PDB file of N, CA and C in Angstrom:
ATOM      1  N   MET A   1       0.823  -1.130   0.061  1.00  0.00           N
ATOM      2  CA  MET A   1       0.021   0.085  -0.056  1.00  0.00           C
ATOM      3  C   MET A   1       0.959   1.163   0.014  1.00  0.00           C
ATOM      4  N   LYS A   2       0.519   2.215  -0.758  1.00  0.00           N
ATOM      5  CA  LYS A   2       1.346   3.390  -0.968  1.00  0.00           C
ATOM      6  C   LYS A   2       0.765   4.536   0.089  1.00  0.00           C
ATOM      7  N   SER A   3       1.660   5.135   0.824  1.00  0.00           N
ATOM      8  CA  SER A   3       1.310   6.199   1.668  1.00  0.00           C
ATOM      9  C   SER A   3       2.221   7.411   1.462  1.00  0.00           C
ATOM     10  N   SER A   4       1.635   8.509   1.994  1.00  0.00           N
ATOM     11  CA  SER A   4       2.511   9.826   1.902  1.00  0.00           C
ATOM     12  C   SER A   4       2.242  10.627   3.159  1.00  0.00           C
ATOM     13  N   ILE A   5       3.159  11.398   3.640  1.00  0.00           N
ATOM     14  CA  ILE A   5       3.118  12.083   4.812  1.00  0.00           C
ATOM     15  C   ILE A   5       3.737  13.518   4.398  1.00  0.00           C
ATOM     16  N   ILE A   6       3.079  14.628   4.738  1.00  0.00           N
ATOM     17  CA  ILE A   6       3.653  15.902   4.487  1.00  0.00           C
ATOM     18  C   ILE A   6       4.308  16.299   5.826  1.00  0.00           C
ATOM     19  N   VAL A   7       5.570  16.734   5.709  1.00  0.00           N
ATOM     20  CA  VAL A   7       6.381  16.957   6.928  1.00  0.00           C
ATOM     21  C   VAL A   7       6.807  18.383   7.002  1.00  0.00           C
ATOM     22  N   GLN A   8       7.299  18.758   8.120  1.00  0.00           N
ATOM     23  CA  GLN A   8       7.789  20.143   8.337  1.00  0.00           C
ATOM     24  C   GLN A   8       9.357  20.093   8.468  1.00  0.00           C
ATOM     25  N   ASN A   9      10.002  21.200   8.327  1.00  0.00           N
ATOM     26  CA  ASN A   9      11.446  21.303   8.476  1.00  0.00           C
ATOM     27  C   ASN A   9      12.252  20.749   7.418  1.00  0.00           C
ATOM     28  N   LEU A  10      11.768  20.317   6.259  1.00  0.00           N
ATOM     29  CA  LEU A  10      12.327  19.796   5.097  1.00  0.00           C
ATOM     30  C   LEU A  10      12.996  20.924   4.380  1.00  0.00           C
ATOM     31  N   LYS A  11      14.394  21.018   4.281  1.00  0.00           N
ATOM     32  CA  LYS A  11      14.967  22.233   3.702  1.00  0.00           C
ATOM     33  C   LYS A  11      15.863  21.820   2.567  1.00  0.00           C
ATOM     34  N   CYS A  12      16.408  20.687   2.492  1.00  0.00           N
ATOM     35  CA  CYS A  12      17.477  20.591   1.462  1.00  0.00           C
ATOM     36  C   CYS A  12      17.744  19.064   1.087  1.00  0.00           C
ATOM     37  N   GLY A  13      18.671  18.920   0.285  1.00  0.00           N
ATOM     38  CA  GLY A  13      19.099  17.511  -0.143  1.00  0.00           C
ATOM     39  C   GLY A  13      19.619  16.695   0.968  1.00  0.00           C
ATOM     40  N   GLY A  14      20.198  17.387   2.003  1.00  0.00           N
ATOM     41  CA  GLY A  14      20.773  16.614   3.179  1.00  0.00           C
ATOM     42  C   GLY A  14      19.526  16.020   3.882  1.00  0.00           C
ATOM     43  N   CYS A  15      18.501  16.786   4.226  1.00  0.00           N
ATOM     44  CA  CYS A  15      17.287  16.273   4.798  1.00  0.00           C
ATOM     45  C   CYS A  15      16.711  15.096   3.976  1.00  0.00           C
ATOM     46  N   VAL A  16      16.671  15.190   2.674  1.00  0.00           N
ATOM     47  CA  VAL A  16      16.143  14.168   1.855  1.00  0.00           C
ATOM     48  C   VAL A  16      16.989  12.925   1.978  1.00  0.00           C
ATOM     49  N   ASN A  17      18.406  13.060   1.890  1.00  0.00           N
ATOM     50  CA  ASN A  17      19.248  11.915   2.070  1.00  0.00           C
ATOM     51  C   ASN A  17      18.979  11.201   3.491  1.00  0.00           C
ATOM     52  N   THR A  18      18.771  11.894   4.578  1.00  0.00           N
ATOM     53  CA  THR A  18      18.680  11.399   5.895  1.00  0.00           C
ATOM     54  C   THR A  18      17.281  10.557   5.922  1.00  0.00           C
ATOM     55  N   ILE A  19      16.278  11.270   5.351  1.00  0.00           N
ATOM     56  CA  ILE A  19      14.934  10.631   5.475  1.00  0.00           C
ATOM     57  C   ILE A  19      14.850   9.342   4.603  1.00  0.00           C
ATOM     58  N   ILE A  20      15.479   9.302   3.462  1.00  0.00           N
ATOM     59  CA  ILE A  20      15.544   8.070   2.684  1.00  0.00           C
ATOM     60  C   ILE A  20      16.331   7.008   3.285  1.00  0.00           C
ATOM     61  N   ASP A  21      17.483   7.371   3.762  1.00  0.00           N
ATOM     62  CA  ASP A  21      18.267   6.334   4.507  1.00  0.00           C
ATOM     63  C   ASP A  21      17.629   5.847   5.749  1.00  0.00           C
ATOM     64  N   LYS A  22      17.186   6.630   6.585  1.00  0.00           N
ATOM     65  CA  LYS A  22      16.531   6.045   7.811  1.00  0.00           C
ATOM     66  C   LYS A  22      15.255   5.327   7.591  1.00  0.00           C
ATOM     67  N   LEU A  23      14.373   5.786   6.664  1.00  0.00           N
ATOM     68  CA  LEU A  23      13.132   5.051   6.489  1.00  0.00           C
ATOM     69  C   LEU A  23      13.312   3.742   5.743  1.00  0.00           C
ATOM     70  N   SER A  24      14.344   3.738   4.830  1.00  0.00           N
ATOM     71  CA  SER A  24      14.575   2.588   4.040  1.00  0.00           C
ATOM     72  C   SER A  24      15.056   1.485   4.837  1.00  0.00           C
ATOM     73  N   SER A  25      15.606   1.750   6.086  1.00  0.00           N
ATOM     74  CA  SER A  25      16.098   0.649   7.008  1.00  0.00           C
ATOM     75  C   SER A  25      14.944   0.042   7.830  1.00  0.00           C
ATOM     76  N   ILE A  26      13.666   0.633   7.701  1.00  0.00           N
ATOM     77  CA  ILE A  26      12.607   0.072   8.535  1.00  0.00           C
ATOM     78  C   ILE A  26      12.003  -1.087   7.895  1.00  0.00           C
ATOM     79  N   LYS A  27      11.764  -2.218   8.537  1.00  0.00           N
ATOM     80  CA  LYS A  27      11.115  -3.413   8.084  1.00  0.00           C
ATOM     81  C   LYS A  27       9.860  -3.062   7.571  1.00  0.00           C
ATOM     82  N   ASN A  28       9.538  -3.618   6.409  1.00  0.00           N
ATOM     83  CA  ASN A  28       8.245  -3.527   5.623  1.00  0.00           C
ATOM     84  C   ASN A  28       8.101  -2.224   4.955  1.00  0.00           C
ATOM     85  N   ILE A  29       9.103  -1.339   5.019  1.00  0.00           N
ATOM     86  CA  ILE A  29       8.973  -0.077   4.234  1.00  0.00           C
ATOM     87  C   ILE A  29       9.929  -0.144   2.940  1.00  0.00           C
ATOM     88  N   SER A  30       9.243   0.282   1.795  1.00  0.00           N
ATOM     89  CA  SER A  30      10.108   0.218   0.649  1.00  0.00           C
ATOM     90  C   SER A  30       9.766   1.494  -0.296  1.00  0.00           C
ATOM     91  N   ASN A  31      10.507   1.663  -1.235  1.00  0.00           N
ATOM     92  CA  ASN A  31      10.276   2.769  -2.376  1.00  0.00           C
ATOM     93  C   ASN A  31       9.994   3.974  -1.713  1.00  0.00           C
ATOM     94  N   VAL A  32      10.991   4.444  -0.805  1.00  0.00           N
ATOM     95  CA  VAL A  32      10.807   5.705  -0.070  1.00  0.00           C
ATOM     96  C   VAL A  32      11.321   6.791  -1.118  1.00  0.00           C
ATOM     97  N   THR A  33      10.460   7.823  -1.373  1.00  0.00           N
ATOM     98  CA  THR A  33      10.812   9.023  -2.169  1.00  0.00           C
ATOM     99  C   THR A  33      10.458  10.205  -1.314  1.00  0.00           C
ATOM    100  N   VAL A  34      11.235  11.332  -1.535  1.00  0.00           N
ATOM    101  CA  VAL A  34      10.903  12.612  -0.902  1.00  0.00           C
ATOM    102  C   VAL A  34      10.784  13.784  -1.932  1.00  0.00           C
ATOM    103  N   ASP A  35       9.709  14.477  -2.002  1.00  0.00           N
ATOM    104  CA  ASP A  35       9.654  15.615  -2.782  1.00  0.00           C
ATOM    105  C   ASP A  35       9.951  16.890  -1.951  1.00  0.00           C
ATOM    106  N   LYS A  36      11.090  17.403  -2.164  1.00  0.00           N
ATOM    107  CA  LYS A  36      11.606  18.509  -1.441  1.00  0.00           C
ATOM    108  C   LYS A  36      10.627  19.787  -1.652  1.00  0.00           C
ATOM    109  N   ASP A  37      10.166  20.024  -2.793  1.00  0.00           N
ATOM    110  CA  ASP A  37       9.293  21.157  -3.052  1.00  0.00           C
ATOM    111  C   ASP A  37       7.977  21.121  -2.358  1.00  0.00           C
ATOM    112  N   THR A  38       7.461  19.953  -2.158  1.00  0.00           N
ATOM    113  CA  THR A  38       6.138  19.891  -1.452  1.00  0.00           C
ATOM    114  C   THR A  38       6.260  19.303  -0.028  1.00  0.00           C
ATOM    115  N   SER A  39       7.506  18.928   0.336  1.00  0.00           N
ATOM    116  CA  SER A  39       7.726  18.411   1.715  1.00  0.00           C
ATOM    117  C   SER A  39       6.897  17.130   1.903  1.00  0.00           C
ATOM    118  N   THR A  40       6.820  16.384   0.854  1.00  0.00           N
ATOM    119  CA  THR A  40       6.125  15.097   0.844  1.00  0.00           C
ATOM    120  C   THR A  40       7.084  13.870   0.845  1.00  0.00           C
ATOM    121  N   VAL A  41       6.742  12.947   1.912  1.00  0.00           N
ATOM    122  CA  VAL A  41       7.548  11.716   1.938  1.00  0.00           C
ATOM    123  C   VAL A  41       6.549  10.683   1.534  1.00  0.00           C
ATOM    124  N   SER A  42       6.869   9.877   0.466  1.00  0.00           N
ATOM    125  CA  SER A  42       6.070   8.814   0.013  1.00  0.00           C
ATOM    126  C   SER A  42       6.797   7.394   0.268  1.00  0.00           C
ATOM    127  N   PHE A  43       6.003   6.440   0.394  1.00  0.00           N
ATOM    128  CA  PHE A  43       6.726   5.114   0.580  1.00  0.00           C
ATOM    129  C   PHE A  43       5.573   4.004   0.491  1.00  0.00           C
ATOM    130  N   ARG A  44       6.081   2.748   0.461  1.00  0.00           N
ATOM    131  CA  ARG A  44       5.079   1.687   0.303  1.00  0.00           C
ATOM    132  C   ARG A  44       5.290   0.765   1.647  1.00  0.00           C
ATOM    133  N   THR A  45       4.096   0.378   2.049  1.00  0.00           N
ATOM    134  CA  THR A  45       4.127  -0.481   3.312  1.00  0.00           C
ATOM    135  C   THR A  45       3.407  -1.765   3.084  1.00  0.00           C
ATOM    136  N   LEU A  46       3.612  -2.755   3.945  1.00  0.00           N
ATOM    137  CA  LEU A  46       2.821  -3.964   3.873  1.00  0.00           C
ATOM    138  C   LEU A  46       1.436  -3.927   4.515  1.00  0.00           C
ATOM    139  N   ASN A  47       1.318  -3.004   5.490  1.00  0.00           N
ATOM    140  CA  ASN A  47       0.053  -2.821   6.112  1.00  0.00           C
ATOM    141  C   ASN A  47      -0.046  -1.297   6.669  1.00  0.00           C
ATOM    142  N   SER A  48      -1.232  -0.955   7.031  1.00  0.00           N
ATOM    143  CA  SER A  48      -1.466   0.450   7.319  1.00  0.00           C
ATOM    144  C   SER A  48      -0.801   0.800   8.792  1.00  0.00           C
ATOM    145  N   ASP A  49      -0.579  -0.131   9.555  1.00  0.00           N
ATOM    146  CA  ASP A  49       0.158   0.212  10.825  1.00  0.00           C
ATOM    147  C   ASP A  49       1.498   0.675  10.629  1.00  0.00           C
ATOM    148  N   ASP A  50       2.164   0.136   9.559  1.00  0.00           N
ATOM    149  CA  ASP A  50       3.449   0.567   9.283  1.00  0.00           C
ATOM    150  C   ASP A  50       3.613   2.022   8.958  1.00  0.00           C
ATOM    151  N   ALA A  51       2.631   2.737   8.561  1.00  0.00           N
ATOM    152  CA  ALA A  51       2.688   4.121   8.275  1.00  0.00           C
ATOM    153  C   ALA A  51       2.874   4.883   9.609  1.00  0.00           C
ATOM    154  N   PHE A  52       2.289   4.323  10.687  1.00  0.00           N
ATOM    155  CA  PHE A  52       2.452   5.060  11.946  1.00  0.00           C
ATOM    156  C   PHE A  52       3.870   4.994  12.459  1.00  0.00           C
ATOM    157  N   ILE A  53       4.519   3.904  12.085  1.00  0.00           N
ATOM    158  CA  ILE A  53       5.914   3.713  12.461  1.00  0.00           C
ATOM    159  C   ILE A  53       6.781   4.719  11.724  1.00  0.00           C
ATOM    160  N   VAL A  54       6.463   4.861  10.455  1.00  0.00           N
ATOM    161  CA  VAL A  54       7.208   5.936   9.577  1.00  0.00           C
ATOM    162  C   VAL A  54       6.984   7.280  10.133  1.00  0.00           C
ATOM    163  N   LYS A  55       5.679   7.590  10.440  1.00  0.00           N
ATOM    164  CA  LYS A  55       5.409   8.926  11.039  1.00  0.00           C
ATOM    165  C   LYS A  55       6.218   9.236  12.284  1.00  0.00           C
ATOM    166  N   SER A  56       6.284   8.225  13.153  1.00  0.00           N
ATOM    167  CA  SER A  56       7.048   8.292  14.431  1.00  0.00           C
ATOM    168  C   SER A  56       8.486   8.608  14.154  1.00  0.00           C
ATOM    169  N   LYS A  57       9.053   7.778  13.283  1.00  0.00           N
ATOM    170  CA  LYS A  57      10.526   7.836  12.875  1.00  0.00           C
ATOM    171  C   LYS A  57      10.857   9.284  12.390  1.00  0.00           C
ATOM    172  N   LEU A  58       9.865   9.743  11.469  1.00  0.00           N
ATOM    173  CA  LEU A  58      10.078  11.099  10.927  1.00  0.00           C
ATOM    174  C   LEU A  58      10.211  12.158  12.041  1.00  0.00           C
ATOM    175  N   LYS A  59       9.272  11.957  13.042  1.00  0.00           N
ATOM    176  CA  LYS A  59       9.135  12.977  14.112  1.00  0.00           C
ATOM    177  C   LYS A  59      10.499  12.896  14.920  1.00  0.00           C
ATOM    178  N   SER A  60      11.036  11.632  15.155  1.00  0.00           N
ATOM    179  CA  SER A  60      12.191  11.547  15.881  1.00  0.00           C
ATOM    180  C   SER A  60      13.448  12.143  15.246  1.00  0.00           C
ATOM    181  N   LEU A  61      13.370  12.201  13.921  1.00  0.00           N
ATOM    182  CA  LEU A  61      14.497  12.880  13.096  1.00  0.00           C
ATOM    183  C   LEU A  61      14.222  14.248  12.954  1.00  0.00           C
ATOM    184  N   GLY A  62      13.191  14.873  13.539  1.00  0.00           N
ATOM    185  CA  GLY A  62      13.014  16.348  13.452  1.00  0.00           C
ATOM    186  C   GLY A  62      12.102  16.698  12.260  1.00  0.00           C
ATOM    187  N   TYR A  63      11.428  15.785  11.681  1.00  0.00           N
ATOM    188  CA  TYR A  63      10.531  16.173  10.562  1.00  0.00           C
ATOM    189  C   TYR A  63       9.084  15.612  10.854  1.00  0.00           C
ATOM    190  N   PRO A  64       8.473  16.381  11.853  1.00  0.00           N
ATOM    191  CA  PRO A  64       7.100  16.081  12.249  1.00  0.00           C
ATOM    192  C   PRO A  64       6.146  16.255  11.041  1.00  0.00           C
ATOM    193  N   SER A  65       5.048  15.502  11.095  1.00  0.00           N
ATOM    194  CA  SER A  65       3.958  15.733  10.054  1.00  0.00           C
ATOM    195  C   SER A  65       3.330  17.056  10.234  1.00  0.00           C
ATOM    196  N   ILE A  66       2.635  17.620   9.282  1.00  0.00           N
ATOM    197  CA  ILE A  66       2.036  18.922   9.466  1.00  0.00           C
ATOM    198  C   ILE A  66       0.885  18.925  10.457  1.00  0.00           C
ATOM    199  N   GLU A  67       0.429  17.715  10.955  1.00  0.00           N
ATOM    200  CA  GLU A  67      -0.551  17.723  12.005  1.00  0.00           C
ATOM    201  C   GLU A  67       0.089  17.869  13.438  1.00  0.00           C
ATOM    202  N   ASP A  68       1.419  17.573  13.538  1.00  0.00           N
ATOM    203  CA  ASP A  68       2.120  17.522  14.722  1.00  0.00           C
ATOM    204  C   ASP A  68       2.713  18.900  15.099  1.00  0.00           C
ATOM    205  N   GLN A  69       3.028  19.092  16.442  1.00  0.00           N
ATOM    206  CA  GLN A  69       3.623  20.306  16.811  1.00  0.00           C
ATOM    207  C   GLN A  69       4.987  20.374  16.357  1.00  0.00           C
ATOM    208  N   ASN A  70       5.486  21.576  16.062  1.00  0.00           N
ATOM    209  CA  ASN A  70       6.868  21.799  15.506  1.00  0.00           C
ATOM    210  C   ASN A  70       7.520  22.745  16.382  1.00  0.00           C
ATOM    211  N   GLY A  71       8.090  22.273  17.492  1.00  0.00           N
ATOM    212  CA  GLY A  71       8.669  23.205  18.500  1.00  0.00           C
ATOM    213  C   GLY A  71      10.251  23.213  18.225  1.00  0.00           C
ATOM    214  N   LEU A  72      10.869  23.967  19.110  1.00  0.00           N
ATOM    215  CA  LEU A  72      12.351  24.154  18.955  1.00  0.00           C
ATOM    216  C   LEU A  72      13.019  22.825  18.933  1.00  0.00           C
ATOM    217  N   HIS A  73      12.637  21.818  19.712  1.00  0.00           N
ATOM    218  CA  HIS A  73      13.310  20.551  19.821  1.00  0.00           C
ATOM    219  C   HIS A  73      13.280  19.910  18.453  1.00  0.00           C
ATOM    220  N   SER A  74      12.117  19.812  17.769  1.00  0.00           N
ATOM    221  CA  SER A  74      11.988  19.284  16.361  1.00  0.00           C
ATOM    222  C   SER A  74      12.874  19.999  15.489  1.00  0.00           C
ATOM    223  N   LYS A  75      12.881  21.250  15.522  1.00  0.00           N
ATOM    224  CA  LYS A  75      13.721  22.052  14.539  1.00  0.00           C
ATOM    225  C   LYS A  75      15.134  21.864  14.768  1.00  0.00           C
ATOM    226  N   THR A  76      15.618  21.779  16.025  1.00  0.00           N
ATOM    227  CA  THR A  76      17.078  21.403  16.216  1.00  0.00           C
ATOM    228  C   THR A  76      17.372  20.049  15.800  1.00  0.00           C
ATOM    229  N   LYS A  77      16.525  19.106  15.951  1.00  0.00           N
ATOM    230  CA  LYS A  77      16.728  17.702  15.431  1.00  0.00           C
ATOM    231  C   LYS A  77      16.906  17.675  13.923  1.00  0.00           C
ATOM    232  N   SER A  78      16.029  18.420  13.244  1.00  0.00           N
ATOM    233  CA  SER A  78      16.078  18.506  11.814  1.00  0.00           C
ATOM    234  C   SER A  78      17.420  19.067  11.265  1.00  0.00           C
ATOM    235  N   PHE A  79      17.948  19.990  11.954  1.00  0.00           N
ATOM    236  CA  PHE A  79      19.244  20.670  11.550  1.00  0.00           C
ATOM    237  C   PHE A  79      20.346  19.547  11.761  1.00  0.00           C
ATOM    238  N   ILE A  80      20.268  18.820  12.761  1.00  0.00           N
ATOM    239  CA  ILE A  80      21.313  17.668  13.014  1.00  0.00           C
ATOM    240  C   ILE A  80      21.100  16.610  11.892  1.00  0.00           C
ATOM    241  N   SER A  81      19.865  16.340  11.661  1.00  0.00           N
ATOM    242  CA  SER A  81      19.607  15.244  10.576  1.00  0.00           C
ATOM    243  C   SER A  81      20.051  15.771   9.227  1.00  0.00           C
ATOM    244  N   CYS A  82      19.784  17.051   8.946  1.00  0.00           N
ATOM    245  CA  CYS A  82      20.137  17.692   7.658  1.00  0.00           C
ATOM    246  C   CYS A  82      21.662  17.661   7.552  1.00  0.00           C
ATOM    247  N   ALA A  83      22.444  18.017   8.591  1.00  0.00           N
ATOM    248  CA  ALA A  83      23.905  17.933   8.521  1.00  0.00           C
ATOM    249  C   ALA A  83      24.348  16.518   8.203  1.00  0.00           C
ATOM    250  N   SER A  84      23.769  15.632   8.946  1.00  0.00           N
ATOM    251  CA  SER A  84      24.208  14.192   8.768  1.00  0.00           C
ATOM    252  C   SER A  84      23.938  13.762   7.313  1.00  0.00           C
ATOM    253  N   GLY A  85      22.895  14.049   6.736  1.00  0.00           N
ATOM    254  CA  GLY A  85      22.489  13.774   5.373  1.00  0.00           C
ATOM    255  C   GLY A  85      23.489  14.382   4.362  1.00  0.00           C
ATOM    256  N   LYS A  86      23.957  15.629   4.658  1.00  0.00           N
ATOM    257  CA  LYS A  86      24.910  16.287   3.799  1.00  0.00           C
ATOM    258  C   LYS A  86      26.253  15.549   3.773  1.00  0.00           C
ATOM    259  N   LEU A  87      26.624  15.006   4.928  1.00  0.00           N
ATOM    260  CA  LEU A  87      27.941  14.397   5.057  1.00  0.00           C
ATOM    261  C   LEU A  87      27.859  13.097   4.268  1.00  0.00           C
ATOM    262  N   LYS A  88      26.752  12.452   4.068  1.00  0.00           N
ATOM    263  CA  LYS A  88      26.600  11.070   3.434  1.00  0.00           C
ATOM    264  C   LYS A  88      26.622  11.268   1.836  1.00  0.00           C
ATOM    265  N   LYS A  89      26.514  12.485   1.336  1.00  0.00           N
ATOM    266  CA  LYS A  89      26.392  12.690  -0.121  1.00  0.00           C
ATOM    267  C   LYS A  89      27.742  12.112  -0.837  1.00  0.00           C
TER     268      LYS A  89
END
């Protein structure tokens, strides 16, 4: 099943690299793509519960969904995730 989540704090290719890398390592998640212009993360799952795991992982990386609160803590985490993604290029 294909799912998409619109996230906050998505700024650059470093963010994209981190999101793809971290989500691709989750069991039952495949075909992860990120559209930087629309801040949309798309992926395939085996069942609908897996989408909640992805949403939680994105939040832990500093990219909460648009429904979630985006405080200083999330913004700081996104800067760290972004920098990490830039180093992996």
